[in-house]
Amino acid sequence: MEEEIGRVTHYFSHLAVAVVDITNGTLNVGDTIHIKGHTSDFTQKVESMQIEHDSIESAKTGQSIGLRVKEHVREHDVVYKVS
């Protein structure tokens, strides 16, 4: 089962980091996410997250996080939490 948790707002290709606005629920290190967009469609485990260069273990609605991703993503891609 998948639940929409946020959207990609920016992608830093040289770092392979996506900026994700958390719009629903919470996301924790260790969770599995599915990122889907016009050309993106992959699943990965959350290995690390940051807010303003500080590592965090959990992110909640209203926060904007940096998330290392294994494939190229684009703005407006949807991030789903896989349960």
N, C-alpha and C. Protein backbone atom coordinates (compact mmCIF):
# COMPACT_ATOMS: atom_id res chain seq x y z
N MET A 1 0.84 -1.18 0.00
CA MET A 1 0.00 0.00 0.00
C MET A 1 0.89 1.25 0.00
N GLU A 2 0.48 2.26 -0.74
CA GLU A 2 1.26 3.49 -0.83
C GLU A 2 0.40 4.69 -0.44
N GLU A 3 1.05 5.64 0.25
CA GLU A 3 0.38 6.86 0.68
C GLU A 3 1.22 8.04 0.24
N GLU A 4 0.60 9.00 -0.44
CA GLU A 4 1.35 10.19 -0.87
C GLU A 4 1.83 10.95 0.35
N ILE A 5 3.14 11.23 0.38
CA ILE A 5 3.71 11.91 1.55
C ILE A 5 4.30 13.27 1.19
N GLY A 6 4.63 13.48 -0.10
CA GLY A 6 5.21 14.77 -0.47
C GLY A 6 5.49 14.89 -1.95
N ARG A 7 6.13 16.02 -2.29
CA ARG A 7 6.48 16.29 -3.69
C ARG A 7 7.89 16.85 -3.77
N VAL A 8 8.56 16.51 -4.88
CA VAL A 8 9.89 17.03 -5.13
C VAL A 8 9.77 18.48 -5.58
N THR A 9 10.54 19.38 -4.95
CA THR A 9 10.50 20.79 -5.35
C THR A 9 11.79 21.21 -6.04
N HIS A 10 12.86 20.43 -5.87
CA HIS A 10 14.14 20.76 -6.52
C HIS A 10 15.00 19.51 -6.55
N TYR A 11 15.94 19.47 -7.51
CA TYR A 11 16.87 18.34 -7.59
C TYR A 11 18.27 18.87 -7.87
N PHE A 12 19.22 18.46 -7.03
CA PHE A 12 20.62 18.83 -7.21
C PHE A 12 21.32 17.64 -7.84
N SER A 13 21.52 17.69 -9.16
CA SER A 13 22.06 16.53 -9.87
C SER A 13 23.49 16.20 -9.46
N HIS A 14 24.30 17.22 -9.15
CA HIS A 14 25.69 16.95 -8.77
C HIS A 14 25.80 16.27 -7.41
N LEU A 15 24.76 16.36 -6.59
CA LEU A 15 24.74 15.71 -5.27
C LEU A 15 23.82 14.50 -5.23
N ALA A 16 22.97 14.35 -6.25
CA ALA A 16 21.91 13.33 -6.27
C ALA A 16 21.01 13.49 -5.05
N VAL A 17 20.62 14.73 -4.80
CA VAL A 17 19.76 15.05 -3.66
C VAL A 17 18.49 15.74 -4.16
N ALA A 18 17.36 15.25 -3.67
CA ALA A 18 16.06 15.86 -3.98
C ALA A 18 15.60 16.67 -2.78
N VAL A 19 15.01 17.83 -3.03
CA VAL A 19 14.35 18.58 -1.98
C VAL A 19 12.88 18.18 -2.03
N VAL A 20 12.38 17.69 -0.90
CA VAL A 20 11.00 17.17 -0.84
C VAL A 20 10.22 17.95 0.20
N ASP A 21 9.06 18.50 -0.19
CA ASP A 21 8.13 19.11 0.75
C ASP A 21 7.24 18.00 1.29
N ILE A 22 7.26 17.80 2.60
CA ILE A 22 6.40 16.79 3.22
C ILE A 22 5.01 17.40 3.38
N THR A 23 4.02 16.84 2.69
CA THR A 23 2.68 17.41 2.68
C THR A 23 1.68 16.59 3.48
N ASN A 24 2.09 15.37 3.87
CA ASN A 24 1.14 14.49 4.55
C ASN A 24 1.90 13.45 5.36
N GLY A 25 1.65 13.38 6.66
CA GLY A 25 2.23 12.32 7.48
C GLY A 25 3.67 12.57 7.88
N THR A 26 4.37 11.49 8.22
CA THR A 26 5.76 11.58 8.63
C THR A 26 6.60 10.60 7.81
N LEU A 27 7.87 10.93 7.68
CA LEU A 27 8.81 10.09 6.96
C LEU A 27 10.01 9.87 7.85
N ASN A 28 10.43 8.62 8.01
CA ASN A 28 11.54 8.28 8.89
C ASN A 28 12.66 7.62 8.11
N VAL A 29 13.89 7.76 8.61
CA VAL A 29 15.02 7.03 8.05
C VAL A 29 14.69 5.54 8.19
N GLY A 30 14.89 4.78 7.12
CA GLY A 30 14.56 3.36 7.13
C GLY A 30 13.26 3.04 6.40
N ASP A 31 12.41 4.07 6.20
CA ASP A 31 11.17 3.87 5.45
C ASP A 31 11.49 3.61 3.98
N THR A 32 10.57 2.95 3.30
CA THR A 32 10.69 2.74 1.87
C THR A 32 9.78 3.74 1.17
N ILE A 33 10.32 4.39 0.13
CA ILE A 33 9.54 5.36 -0.63
C ILE A 33 9.50 4.97 -2.10
N HIS A 34 8.47 5.46 -2.78
CA HIS A 34 8.30 5.26 -4.22
C HIS A 34 8.17 6.66 -4.81
N ILE A 35 9.06 7.00 -5.74
CA ILE A 35 9.01 8.31 -6.39
C ILE A 35 8.52 8.10 -7.82
N LYS A 36 7.44 8.82 -8.15
CA LYS A 36 6.83 8.64 -9.46
C LYS A 36 6.55 10.00 -10.09
N GLY A 37 6.91 10.12 -11.36
CA GLY A 37 6.67 11.34 -12.09
C GLY A 37 6.59 11.04 -13.57
N HIS A 38 6.73 12.08 -14.38
CA HIS A 38 6.62 11.95 -15.84
C HIS A 38 7.63 10.93 -16.38
N THR A 39 8.87 10.99 -15.88
CA THR A 39 9.90 10.06 -16.35
C THR A 39 10.52 9.27 -15.20
N SER A 40 10.13 9.55 -13.96
CA SER A 40 10.69 8.86 -12.79
C SER A 40 9.71 7.80 -12.31
N ASP A 41 10.24 6.66 -11.91
CA ASP A 41 9.39 5.61 -11.32
C ASP A 41 10.31 4.57 -10.67
N PHE A 42 10.64 4.77 -9.39
CA PHE A 42 11.51 3.83 -8.70
C PHE A 42 11.21 3.82 -7.20
N THR A 43 11.67 2.76 -6.56
CA THR A 43 11.48 2.58 -5.13
C THR A 43 12.85 2.51 -4.47
N GLN A 44 12.98 3.10 -3.29
CA GLN A 44 14.24 3.03 -2.56
C GLN A 44 13.97 3.18 -1.06
N LYS A 45 14.96 2.80 -0.27
CA LYS A 45 14.90 2.98 1.17
C LYS A 45 15.50 4.34 1.51
N VAL A 46 14.90 5.03 2.51
CA VAL A 46 15.42 6.32 2.96
C VAL A 46 16.63 6.03 3.85
N GLU A 47 17.81 6.46 3.39
CA GLU A 47 19.04 6.20 4.15
C GLU A 47 19.48 7.41 4.97
N SER A 48 19.15 8.61 4.49
CA SER A 48 19.49 9.81 5.25
C SER A 48 18.62 10.97 4.78
N MET A 49 18.34 11.87 5.72
CA MET A 49 17.57 13.08 5.42
C MET A 49 18.24 14.24 6.14
N GLN A 50 18.10 15.43 5.57
CA GLN A 50 18.67 16.61 6.20
C GLN A 50 17.70 17.78 6.09
N ILE A 51 17.78 18.65 7.10
CA ILE A 51 17.13 19.96 7.04
C ILE A 51 18.23 20.98 7.32
N GLU A 52 18.44 21.91 6.38
CA GLU A 52 19.48 22.93 6.54
C GLU A 52 20.84 22.32 6.91
N HIS A 53 21.22 21.25 6.24
CA HIS A 53 22.50 20.56 6.42
C HIS A 53 22.64 19.81 7.74
N ASP A 54 21.57 19.73 8.54
CA ASP A 54 21.60 18.95 9.78
C ASP A 54 20.87 17.63 9.53
N SER A 55 21.50 16.52 9.89
CA SER A 55 20.87 15.21 9.70
C SER A 55 19.70 15.06 10.66
N ILE A 56 18.62 14.47 10.14
CA ILE A 56 17.43 14.21 10.97
C ILE A 56 17.02 12.76 10.79
N GLU A 57 16.27 12.25 11.75
CA GLU A 57 15.78 10.87 11.69
C GLU A 57 14.34 10.81 11.22
N SER A 58 13.61 11.92 11.38
CA SER A 58 12.18 11.93 11.07
C SER A 58 11.78 13.31 10.55
N ALA A 59 10.87 13.32 9.57
CA ALA A 59 10.35 14.58 9.02
C ALA A 59 8.83 14.52 9.06
N LYS A 60 8.20 15.67 9.32
CA LYS A 60 6.74 15.68 9.42
C LYS A 60 6.14 16.73 8.48
N THR A 61 4.83 16.70 8.38
CA THR A 61 4.09 17.62 7.51
C THR A 61 4.56 19.05 7.71
N GLY A 62 4.79 19.74 6.59
CA GLY A 62 5.18 21.14 6.65
C GLY A 62 6.68 21.36 6.54
N GLN A 63 7.47 20.28 6.68
CA GLN A 63 8.92 20.43 6.59
C GLN A 63 9.38 20.19 5.15
N SER A 64 10.50 20.80 4.82
CA SER A 64 11.14 20.62 3.52
C SER A 64 12.49 19.98 3.79
N ILE A 65 12.74 18.82 3.19
CA ILE A 65 13.93 18.04 3.52
C ILE A 65 14.80 17.79 2.29
N GLY A 66 16.07 17.55 2.54
CA GLY A 66 16.98 17.08 1.52
C GLY A 66 17.08 15.58 1.63
N LEU A 67 16.94 14.88 0.52
CA LEU A 67 16.89 13.42 0.52
C LEU A 67 17.78 12.89 -0.61
N ARG A 68 18.75 12.05 -0.25
CA ARG A 68 19.61 11.46 -1.29
C ARG A 68 18.79 10.42 -2.05
N VAL A 69 18.84 10.51 -3.39
CA VAL A 69 18.07 9.58 -4.23
C VAL A 69 19.00 8.83 -5.16
N LYS A 70 18.58 7.62 -5.56
CA LYS A 70 19.45 6.78 -6.38
C LYS A 70 19.27 7.00 -7.88
N GLU A 71 18.21 7.73 -8.26
CA GLU A 71 17.98 8.03 -9.67
C GLU A 71 17.60 9.50 -9.81
N HIS A 72 17.69 9.99 -11.05
CA HIS A 72 17.33 11.38 -11.33
C HIS A 72 15.84 11.59 -11.10
N VAL A 73 15.49 12.67 -10.39
CA VAL A 73 14.08 13.03 -10.19
C VAL A 73 13.88 14.44 -10.72
N ARG A 74 12.62 14.83 -10.84
CA ARG A 74 12.29 16.15 -11.36
C ARG A 74 11.29 16.84 -10.44
N GLU A 75 11.24 18.18 -10.58
CA GLU A 75 10.25 18.93 -9.82
C GLU A 75 8.86 18.40 -10.11
N HIS A 76 8.03 18.37 -9.10
CA HIS A 76 6.64 17.92 -9.15
C HIS A 76 6.48 16.41 -9.11
N ASP A 77 7.60 15.63 -9.10
CA ASP A 77 7.46 14.19 -8.90
C ASP A 77 6.81 13.97 -7.54
N VAL A 78 5.97 12.94 -7.47
CA VAL A 78 5.25 12.63 -6.23
C VAL A 78 6.03 11.57 -5.45
N VAL A 79 6.12 11.79 -4.13
CA VAL A 79 6.82 10.85 -3.25
C VAL A 79 5.76 10.11 -2.42
N TYR A 80 5.78 8.78 -2.52
CA TYR A 80 4.85 7.94 -1.78
C TYR A 80 5.62 7.17 -0.71
N LYS A 81 5.00 6.98 0.45
CA LYS A 81 5.55 6.12 1.49
C LYS A 81 4.94 4.74 1.30
N VAL A 82 5.78 3.72 1.22
CA VAL A 82 5.32 2.35 1.00
C VAL A 82 5.18 1.67 2.36
N SER A 83 3.99 1.10 2.60
CA SER A 83 3.78 0.43 3.90
C SER A 83 3.44 -1.04 3.70
